[in-house]
Amino acid sequence: MNYQECRAYIDDSAKYGSVLGLDNMREMLGRLGNPQDDVPFVHVAGTNGKGSVIAYLYTTLTRAGYRVGRYISPTLYSYRERLEVAGERISREKFAGHVARISQVITQMTDAGLNHPTPFEIETAAAFLYFKEENCDLVLLETGMGGNLDATNIIKNTKLAVLVSISMDHMSFLGNTLEEIAQKKAGIIKPGCRTVTTRQESEAIKVITKTCEQLGVSCTIADPDEAVLEQESVFGQSFTYEGQKFDISLAGVYQKENAVLALKALEILDELGWHTTMEQRKDGLSHTSWKGRFTVICRKPLFIVDGAHNAGAADKMEESIRHYFNGKKLIYIMGVFADKEYRTVLEKTAHFAEKIYTIETPDNPRALPAKELAKAAREFNPGAESTKSIADAVEKAFAYAGDDENSVILAFGSLSFIGDLTRAVEERIS
């Protein structure tokens, strides 16, 4: 198999559906020699902020000299972004080699009457093979969805479980209450590991602390209110925390919370043997970039992209809009998945905009058609209209913004279209 054949093989695996539980993952990895047992993990779960916290940890630990692996999803600009070691994406050749090996094992499994693994299970198995091959000092592992039954939760060697902000998302899979969802997320906590969480809603923190008590695990709560904001703009911010000043290039009112959680995680990792100095932590945070999360991609007009796609992210988006753009001429570009809480997102954010352009996220069967999204948006804002493509939406948004320095274009919703949109903007302004 070459790289393109491997990608097609993974995509085609979706037709076999999925079976709840970790039995299939356990079987596949057992036949592969259980590579996941040979590397230590920081396992990250929650609803909003996983990618940002991992980005802070990855940059800091890598710049401090550790050989760190990172597994994330979804990705914005390249499929291979999901698998990195020491700042380098997995090569096409290595990825193809691992998937080819996995495909042989899957053939053995299906010949024996076992279920075919899902695309995410195959990708996760490839990640474990890659991280073992690369002799990683530590691997930062993001859950795909949930926690207890997520394919990533097959690992046993968790050194630190990190729980970011938990809110309502994926209810059809995770539960209809915050307590039920938190129980699934807290499933990544293992006996013998350490746990750190940001400040949570009462229902969620009760579940997390109870899980830690039952497993005899130490639980640390990182309180973002202990950090004092010093300066901020859409281009970055600085804050003081525990007597030290930190600069971050990531904007959004929620990034202080993510940065504080990352700092607390670094403190715990230092105790566990992955040492970093205070200067290395400051250096790491200041050099962290995380594209597609309240990221400025054009300055005239100001054009920002963000992956706000669920109720919790919409709350943070609403807070950021009030904070940064009060009195501005706001223009939205939106694209969402049909199975997301897009009506809740619209209810919280649509009224701020003067104009809303909707798109259909390309090449995804879960995408909500642009016309349906526009129809839903008009219930909250009459200035919503559908567009025929991402490029069309970008052109219309630029035209509507004109030369008005008060104009701000904000593109958000599914992360899946942010990469294509960024490229469309770059072509427009080049």
Protein backbone atom coordinates (compact mmCIF):
# COMPACT_ATOMS: atom_id res chain seq x y z
CA MET A 1 0.00 0.00 0.00
CA ASN A 2 1.16 3.52 -0.75
CA TYR A 3 -0.02 6.57 1.21
CA GLN A 4 -3.07 7.32 -0.95
CA GLU A 5 -4.13 3.67 -0.91
CA CYS A 6 -3.88 3.66 2.89
CA ARG A 7 -6.01 6.78 3.14
CA ALA A 8 -8.62 5.20 0.87
CA TYR A 9 -8.51 1.99 2.93
CA ILE A 10 -9.17 3.91 6.14
CA ASP A 11 -12.01 5.92 4.61
CA ASP A 12 -13.57 2.77 3.18
CA SER A 13 -13.54 1.15 6.63
CA ALA A 14 -16.37 3.46 7.68
CA LYS A 15 -18.83 1.31 5.74
CA TYR A 16 -18.48 -1.50 8.29
CA GLY A 17 -19.95 0.62 11.08
CA SER A 18 -18.84 0.44 14.70
CA VAL A 19 -19.41 -1.72 17.75
CA LEU A 20 -19.60 -0.14 21.20
CA GLY A 21 -16.73 -1.03 23.49
CA LEU A 22 -12.99 -1.65 23.38
CA ASP A 23 -12.96 -5.37 22.54
CA ASN A 24 -12.19 -4.81 18.88
CA MET A 25 -9.40 -2.37 19.70
CA ARG A 26 -7.98 -4.77 22.26
CA GLU A 27 -8.00 -7.62 19.75
CA MET A 28 -6.33 -5.60 17.01
CA LEU A 29 -3.61 -4.20 19.26
CA GLY A 30 -2.96 -7.60 20.79
CA ARG A 31 -2.23 -8.96 17.31
CA LEU A 32 0.07 -5.96 16.75
CA GLY A 33 2.06 -6.66 19.93
CA ASN A 34 0.39 -4.02 22.10
CA PRO A 35 2.68 -1.13 21.13
CA GLN A 36 0.70 1.22 23.40
CA ASP A 37 2.11 -0.52 26.47
CA ASP A 38 5.64 0.66 25.69
CA VAL A 39 5.16 4.43 25.94
CA PRO A 40 3.92 6.74 28.74
CA PHE A 41 0.88 8.94 28.14
CA VAL A 42 -0.76 12.19 29.12
CA HIS A 43 -4.40 11.48 28.26
CA VAL A 44 -6.62 14.50 27.59
CA ALA A 45 -10.43 14.46 27.57
CA GLY A 46 -13.26 16.97 27.90
CA THR A 47 -15.42 19.05 25.60
CA ASN A 48 -13.63 22.31 24.77
CA GLY A 49 -9.92 23.09 25.07
CA LYS A 50 -8.28 19.69 24.51
CA GLY A 51 -6.32 20.83 21.48
CA SER A 52 -5.18 24.09 23.05
CA VAL A 53 -3.97 22.43 26.26
CA ILE A 54 -2.13 19.77 24.25
CA ALA A 55 -0.58 22.51 22.08
CA TYR A 56 0.79 24.29 25.17
CA LEU A 57 2.19 21.05 26.60
CA TYR A 58 3.59 19.84 23.27
CA THR A 59 5.40 23.08 22.51
CA THR A 60 6.80 23.47 26.02
CA LEU A 61 8.02 19.90 26.45
CA THR A 62 9.43 19.70 22.92
CA ARG A 63 11.31 22.98 23.27
CA ALA A 64 12.59 21.72 26.64
CA GLY A 65 14.27 18.83 24.81
CA TYR A 66 11.86 15.93 25.26
CA ARG A 67 10.90 13.67 22.39
CA VAL A 68 7.15 14.14 22.61
CA GLY A 69 4.46 12.52 20.49
CA ARG A 70 1.10 14.16 19.80
CA TYR A 71 -2.12 12.55 18.59
CA ILE A 72 -5.02 14.91 17.87
CA SER A 73 -8.19 15.09 15.78
CA PRO A 74 -9.67 16.59 13.75
CA THR A 75 -6.95 18.39 11.80
CA LEU A 76 -7.28 21.55 9.74
CA TYR A 77 -4.61 21.72 7.07
CA SER A 78 -3.13 18.25 6.65
CA TYR A 79 -4.35 14.78 7.55
CA ARG A 80 -0.89 13.93 8.90
CA GLU A 81 -1.08 16.75 11.47
CA ARG A 82 -2.82 14.28 13.76
CA LEU A 83 0.40 12.31 14.19
CA GLU A 84 3.53 14.22 15.17
CA VAL A 85 6.74 13.61 17.07
CA ALA A 86 9.13 16.41 18.10
CA GLY A 87 7.46 18.92 15.81
CA GLU A 88 7.50 16.71 12.70
CA ARG A 89 4.47 15.11 11.09
CA ILE A 90 4.57 11.43 10.34
CA SER A 91 5.94 10.83 6.84
CA ARG A 92 3.71 9.40 4.14
CA GLU A 93 5.98 6.37 3.91
CA LYS A 94 5.89 5.58 7.63
CA PHE A 95 2.14 6.07 7.81
CA ALA A 96 1.62 3.76 4.84
CA GLY A 97 3.88 1.14 6.38
CA HIS A 98 1.96 1.10 9.66
CA VAL A 99 -1.46 1.01 8.01
CA ALA A 100 -0.35 -1.78 5.68
CA ARG A 101 0.68 -3.84 8.69
CA ILE A 102 -2.61 -3.07 10.41
CA SER A 103 -4.59 -4.07 7.32
CA GLN A 104 -3.02 -7.53 7.44
CA VAL A 105 -4.11 -7.94 11.04
CA ILE A 106 -7.62 -6.72 10.19
CA THR A 107 -7.85 -9.33 7.43
CA GLN A 108 -6.98 -12.00 10.00
CA MET A 109 -9.66 -10.63 12.32
CA THR A 110 -12.42 -10.53 9.72
CA ASP A 111 -11.47 -13.99 8.45
CA ALA A 112 -12.02 -15.18 12.02
CA GLY A 113 -15.48 -13.61 12.04
CA LEU A 114 -14.53 -10.58 14.13
CA ASN A 115 -15.72 -7.03 13.47
CA HIS A 116 -13.80 -4.69 11.17
CA PRO A 117 -12.19 -1.80 13.11
CA THR A 118 -13.40 1.76 12.48
CA PRO A 119 -11.32 4.48 10.78
CA PHE A 120 -10.55 6.07 14.16
CA GLU A 121 -9.49 2.74 15.63
CA ILE A 122 -7.15 2.15 12.68
CA GLU A 123 -5.66 5.65 12.98
CA THR A 124 -5.19 5.19 16.72
CA ALA A 125 -3.44 1.85 16.23
CA ALA A 126 -1.14 3.49 13.66
CA ALA A 127 -0.38 6.20 16.21
CA PHE A 128 0.65 3.65 18.84
CA LEU A 129 2.92 1.85 16.38
CA TYR A 130 4.49 5.15 15.35
CA PHE A 131 5.10 6.43 18.89
CA LYS A 132 6.72 3.15 19.91
CA GLU A 133 8.92 3.18 16.80
CA GLU A 134 9.97 6.76 17.52
CA ASN A 135 10.94 5.99 21.15
CA CYS A 136 8.88 8.85 22.54
CA ASP A 137 9.67 10.13 26.03
CA LEU A 138 6.00 11.01 26.46
CA VAL A 139 2.86 11.00 24.30
CA LEU A 140 0.06 13.56 24.47
CA LEU A 141 -3.10 11.68 23.55
CA GLU A 142 -6.42 13.35 22.75
CA THR A 143 -9.64 11.36 23.05
CA GLY A 144 -11.79 11.25 19.94
CA MET A 145 -15.13 11.37 21.73
CA GLY A 146 -16.08 10.67 25.32
CA GLY A 147 -13.49 8.85 27.36
CA ASN A 148 -14.28 5.47 28.88
CA LEU A 149 -15.12 3.73 25.58
CA ASP A 150 -12.98 5.90 23.32
CA ALA A 151 -10.47 3.92 21.27
CA THR A 152 -7.61 5.83 22.91
CA ASN A 153 -8.69 4.55 26.34
CA ILE A 154 -7.17 1.16 25.62
CA ILE A 155 -3.95 2.50 27.14
CA LYS A 156 -2.77 1.33 30.57
CA ASN A 157 0.32 3.51 30.98
CA THR A 158 -1.40 6.82 31.77
CA LYS A 159 0.84 9.06 33.85
CA LEU A 160 -1.46 12.08 33.88
CA ALA A 161 -5.15 12.40 33.03
CA VAL A 162 -6.14 15.94 32.00
CA LEU A 163 -9.80 16.99 31.95
CA VAL A 164 -10.59 20.25 30.17
CA SER A 165 -13.91 22.07 30.38
CA ILE A 166 -16.85 19.64 30.14
CA SER A 167 -20.15 20.73 28.62
CA MET A 168 -23.05 19.29 26.63
CA ASP A 169 -21.91 17.65 23.38
CA HIS A 170 -22.43 14.36 21.54
CA MET A 171 -25.50 13.73 23.70
CA SER A 172 -26.73 10.85 21.53
CA PHE A 173 -23.55 8.97 22.47
CA LEU A 174 -22.52 10.35 25.86
CA GLY A 175 -25.75 11.12 27.72
CA ASN A 176 -28.30 13.84 28.20
CA THR A 177 -27.00 15.35 31.44
CA LEU A 178 -23.69 16.93 32.38
CA GLU A 179 -23.23 14.26 35.03
CA GLU A 180 -23.61 11.45 32.48
CA ILE A 181 -21.19 13.12 30.07
CA ALA A 182 -18.66 13.75 32.86
CA GLN A 183 -18.81 10.08 33.84
CA LYS A 184 -17.81 9.12 30.31
CA LYS A 185 -15.01 11.71 30.20
CA ALA A 186 -13.69 10.70 33.63
CA GLY A 187 -13.28 7.17 32.29
CA ILE A 188 -9.73 8.06 31.22
CA ILE A 189 -8.64 8.22 34.89
CA LYS A 190 -6.62 5.11 35.73
CA PRO A 191 -5.34 3.66 39.04
CA GLY A 192 -1.85 4.95 39.70
CA CYS A 193 -2.05 8.03 37.50
CA ARG A 194 -2.36 11.69 38.50
CA THR A 195 -5.35 13.81 37.50
CA VAL A 196 -5.67 17.53 36.81
CA THR A 197 -8.82 19.36 35.79
CA THR A 198 -9.88 22.91 35.18
CA ARG A 199 -12.66 24.36 37.30
CA GLN A 200 -15.88 22.63 36.20
CA GLU A 201 -19.62 22.93 36.69
CA SER A 202 -20.70 21.37 40.01
CA GLU A 203 -22.21 18.25 38.39
CA ALA A 204 -18.98 17.54 36.50
CA ILE A 205 -16.52 18.21 39.32
CA LYS A 206 -18.47 15.92 41.66
CA VAL A 207 -18.10 13.08 39.17
CA ILE A 208 -14.38 13.73 38.65
CA THR A 209 -13.50 13.98 42.34
CA LYS A 210 -15.60 10.91 43.19
CA THR A 211 -13.89 8.89 40.43
CA CYS A 212 -10.48 9.92 41.75
CA GLU A 213 -11.45 8.99 45.31
CA GLN A 214 -12.69 5.56 44.24
CA LEU A 215 -9.45 4.88 42.37
CA GLY A 216 -7.17 6.39 45.00
CA VAL A 217 -5.94 8.98 42.53
CA SER A 218 -4.73 12.48 43.39
CA CYS A 219 -6.90 15.20 41.81
CA THR A 220 -5.66 18.76 41.28
CA ILE A 221 -7.98 21.59 40.24
CA ALA A 222 -6.48 24.43 38.20
CA ASP A 223 -8.42 27.62 38.92
CA PRO A 224 -8.23 30.16 36.07
CA ASP A 225 -9.38 32.92 38.41
CA GLU A 226 -6.00 32.70 40.13
CA ALA A 227 -4.49 34.16 36.96
CA VAL A 228 -4.77 37.93 36.51
CA LEU A 229 -5.01 39.27 32.97
CA GLU A 230 -2.52 42.06 32.32
CA GLN A 231 -2.82 42.86 28.60
CA GLU A 232 -4.87 41.43 25.77
CA SER A 233 -6.01 41.78 22.18
CA VAL A 234 -7.06 39.48 19.37
CA PHE A 235 -3.33 39.01 18.71
CA GLY A 236 -2.47 37.58 22.15
CA GLN A 237 -2.48 38.24 25.87
CA SER A 238 -0.41 38.23 29.03
CA PHE A 239 -1.31 37.28 32.59
CA THR A 240 0.27 36.74 35.98
CA TYR A 241 -0.11 33.41 37.72
CA GLU A 242 1.49 32.24 40.96
CA GLY A 243 3.75 35.27 40.96
CA GLN A 244 4.99 34.83 37.39
CA LYS A 245 4.10 36.64 34.17
CA PHE A 246 3.22 34.61 31.08
CA ASP A 247 2.69 35.71 27.47
CA ILE A 248 0.59 33.71 25.03
CA SER A 249 -0.09 34.37 21.37
CA LEU A 250 -3.50 32.70 21.46
CA ALA A 251 -6.52 34.99 21.73
CA GLY A 252 -9.97 34.25 23.12
CA VAL A 253 -11.11 34.83 26.68
CA TYR A 254 -11.01 31.07 27.32
CA GLN A 255 -7.29 30.72 26.56
CA LYS A 256 -6.26 31.92 29.99
CA GLU A 257 -8.17 28.93 31.40
CA ASN A 258 -6.45 26.52 29.02
CA ALA A 259 -3.01 28.00 29.71
CA VAL A 260 -3.46 27.75 33.49
CA LEU A 261 -4.53 24.12 33.14
CA ALA A 262 -1.45 23.42 31.02
CA LEU A 263 0.80 25.10 33.58
CA LYS A 264 -0.66 23.02 36.38
CA ALA A 265 -0.16 19.90 34.24
CA LEU A 266 3.47 20.88 33.69
CA GLU A 267 3.93 21.23 37.45
CA ILE A 268 2.63 17.70 37.97
CA LEU A 269 4.73 16.31 35.13
CA ASP A 270 7.76 17.95 36.73
CA GLU A 271 7.01 15.99 39.91
CA LEU A 272 6.69 12.82 37.83
CA GLY A 273 10.12 13.23 36.22
CA TRP A 274 9.49 15.28 33.08
CA HIS A 275 11.29 18.35 34.38
CA THR A 276 10.83 21.87 33.02
CA THR A 277 12.10 25.12 34.46
CA MET A 278 9.92 28.20 34.88
CA GLU A 279 11.73 29.85 31.99
CA GLN A 280 11.06 26.85 29.78
CA ARG A 281 7.36 27.03 30.64
CA LYS A 282 7.23 30.72 29.82
CA ASP A 283 9.11 30.09 26.58
CA GLY A 284 6.81 27.21 25.64
CA LEU A 285 3.59 29.11 26.22
CA SER A 286 4.81 32.17 24.35
CA HIS A 287 5.76 30.07 21.30
CA THR A 288 2.57 27.98 21.21
CA SER A 289 0.39 28.35 18.14
CA TRP A 290 -2.91 26.60 17.60
CA LYS A 291 -4.38 27.50 14.25
CA GLY A 292 -8.12 27.66 13.81
CA ARG A 293 -8.88 28.57 17.41
CA PHE A 294 -9.80 32.25 17.42
CA THR A 295 -6.98 32.82 14.96
CA VAL A 296 -6.44 36.01 12.97
CA ILE A 297 -5.84 35.09 9.31
CA CYS A 298 -6.21 38.58 7.82
CA ARG A 299 -5.88 42.08 9.30
CA LYS A 300 -7.69 44.24 6.72
CA PRO A 301 -10.48 43.51 7.24
CA LEU A 302 -9.91 41.71 10.51
CA PHE A 303 -10.73 38.08 9.74
CA ILE A 304 -10.84 35.46 12.52
CA VAL A 305 -11.50 31.72 12.36
CA ASP A 306 -12.63 29.53 15.24
CA GLY A 307 -13.97 26.02 15.73
CA ALA A 308 -16.97 26.89 17.94
CA HIS A 309 -19.44 24.10 17.20
CA ASN A 310 -21.20 23.16 20.44
CA ALA A 311 -22.99 24.81 23.35
CA GLY A 312 -19.90 25.18 25.53
CA ALA A 313 -17.83 26.64 22.70
CA ALA A 314 -20.72 28.98 21.83
CA ASP A 315 -20.70 30.32 25.38
CA LYS A 316 -16.99 31.08 25.07
CA MET A 317 -17.51 32.56 21.61
CA GLU A 318 -20.27 34.81 22.93
CA GLU A 319 -17.99 35.98 25.74
CA SER A 320 -15.16 36.70 23.28
CA ILE A 321 -17.47 38.62 20.93
CA ARG A 322 -18.72 40.83 23.77
CA HIS A 323 -15.19 41.31 24.98
CA TYR A 324 -13.38 42.11 21.74
CA PHE A 325 -15.98 43.29 19.26
CA ASN A 326 -18.50 45.46 21.07
CA GLY A 327 -19.76 48.02 18.55
CA LYS A 328 -18.07 46.35 15.58
CA LYS A 329 -19.70 45.47 12.26
CA LEU A 330 -19.71 41.67 12.55
CA ILE A 331 -19.98 39.39 9.51
CA TYR A 332 -20.22 35.63 10.01
CA ILE A 333 -19.31 32.68 7.84
CA MET A 334 -20.77 29.51 9.33
CA GLY A 335 -20.69 25.81 8.49
CA VAL A 336 -21.77 23.02 10.81
CA PHE A 337 -22.49 19.31 11.04
CA ALA A 338 -26.15 18.32 11.13
CA ASP A 339 -25.65 16.28 14.31
CA LYS A 340 -24.25 19.22 16.27
CA GLU A 341 -26.15 21.69 18.46
CA TYR A 342 -26.15 24.34 15.77
CA ARG A 343 -29.45 25.86 16.89
CA THR A 344 -27.97 26.47 20.34
CA VAL A 345 -24.86 28.01 18.77
CA LEU A 346 -27.07 30.28 16.64
CA GLU A 347 -29.22 31.26 19.59
CA LYS A 348 -26.15 32.38 21.53
CA THR A 349 -24.26 34.13 18.71
CA ALA A 350 -26.42 35.04 15.70
CA HIS A 351 -27.85 38.28 17.09
CA PHE A 352 -24.42 39.90 17.24
CA ALA A 353 -23.93 39.74 13.46
CA GLU A 354 -25.00 42.23 10.84
CA LYS A 355 -24.70 39.58 8.14
CA ILE A 356 -24.41 35.79 8.17
CA TYR A 357 -23.19 33.70 5.23
CA THR A 358 -23.69 29.95 5.54
CA ILE A 359 -21.72 27.22 3.77
CA GLU A 360 -21.93 23.44 3.58
CA THR A 361 -18.78 21.87 4.97
CA PRO A 362 -17.27 20.05 1.96
CA ASP A 363 -16.82 16.31 1.49
CA ASN A 364 -18.54 15.21 4.67
CA PRO A 365 -21.80 13.25 4.89
CA ARG A 366 -22.53 14.86 8.27
CA ALA A 367 -22.56 18.37 6.81
CA LEU A 368 -25.72 20.45 7.18
CA PRO A 369 -26.71 21.98 3.82
CA ALA A 370 -26.05 25.72 3.61
CA LYS A 371 -29.71 26.48 2.87
CA GLU A 372 -30.89 24.60 5.97
CA LEU A 373 -28.36 26.39 8.15
CA ALA A 374 -29.40 29.77 6.70
CA LYS A 375 -33.06 28.97 7.35
CA ALA A 376 -32.29 28.12 10.98
CA ALA A 377 -30.12 31.24 11.33
CA ARG A 378 -32.91 33.51 10.06
CA GLU A 379 -34.96 32.56 13.12
CA PHE A 380 -32.41 34.52 15.14
CA ASN A 381 -31.11 36.96 12.53
CA PRO A 382 -32.89 38.00 9.30
CA GLY A 383 -29.56 38.85 7.66
CA ALA A 384 -28.60 35.23 6.95
CA GLU A 385 -28.14 33.81 3.46
CA SER A 386 -26.67 30.64 2.02
CA THR A 387 -23.71 30.54 -0.36
CA LYS A 388 -22.73 28.02 -2.99
CA SER A 389 -19.16 27.42 -1.78
CA ILE A 390 -16.51 28.48 0.71
CA ALA A 391 -14.88 30.72 -1.90
CA ASP A 392 -18.25 32.33 -2.62
CA ALA A 393 -18.81 33.01 1.09
CA VAL A 394 -15.34 34.53 1.44
CA GLU A 395 -15.88 36.80 -1.56
CA LYS A 396 -19.26 37.96 -0.29
CA ALA A 397 -17.95 38.57 3.23
CA PHE A 398 -15.06 40.69 1.93
CA ALA A 399 -17.44 42.66 -0.28
CA TYR A 400 -19.83 43.27 2.62
CA ALA A 401 -16.96 44.37 4.88
CA GLY A 402 -15.71 46.80 2.25
CA ASP A 403 -13.20 49.37 3.44
CA ASP A 404 -14.94 49.85 6.78
CA GLU A 405 -12.23 49.60 9.45
CA ASN A 406 -15.00 48.71 11.90
CA SER A 407 -15.73 45.45 10.04
CA VAL A 408 -14.82 42.05 11.47
CA ILE A 409 -15.33 38.76 9.65
CA LEU A 410 -15.71 35.78 11.97
CA ALA A 411 -15.79 32.26 10.52
CA PHE A 412 -16.77 29.47 12.89
CA GLY A 413 -18.55 26.16 13.30
CA SER A 414 -17.08 22.83 12.27
CA LEU A 415 -13.29 22.66 12.31
CA SER A 416 -13.50 20.60 9.13
CA PHE A 417 -13.88 23.62 6.83
CA ILE A 418 -11.40 25.98 8.51
CA GLY A 419 -8.44 24.71 6.46
CA ASP A 420 -10.23 25.20 3.12
CA LEU A 421 -11.51 28.59 4.22
CA THR A 422 -8.04 29.75 5.28
CA ARG A 423 -6.66 28.79 1.89
CA ALA A 424 -9.51 30.65 0.17
CA VAL A 425 -8.72 33.79 2.17
CA GLU A 426 -5.01 33.50 1.40
CA GLU A 427 -5.78 33.26 -2.32
CA ARG A 428 -8.13 36.24 -2.04
CA ILE A 429 -5.59 38.54 -0.42
CA SER A 430 -2.43 37.32 -2.23
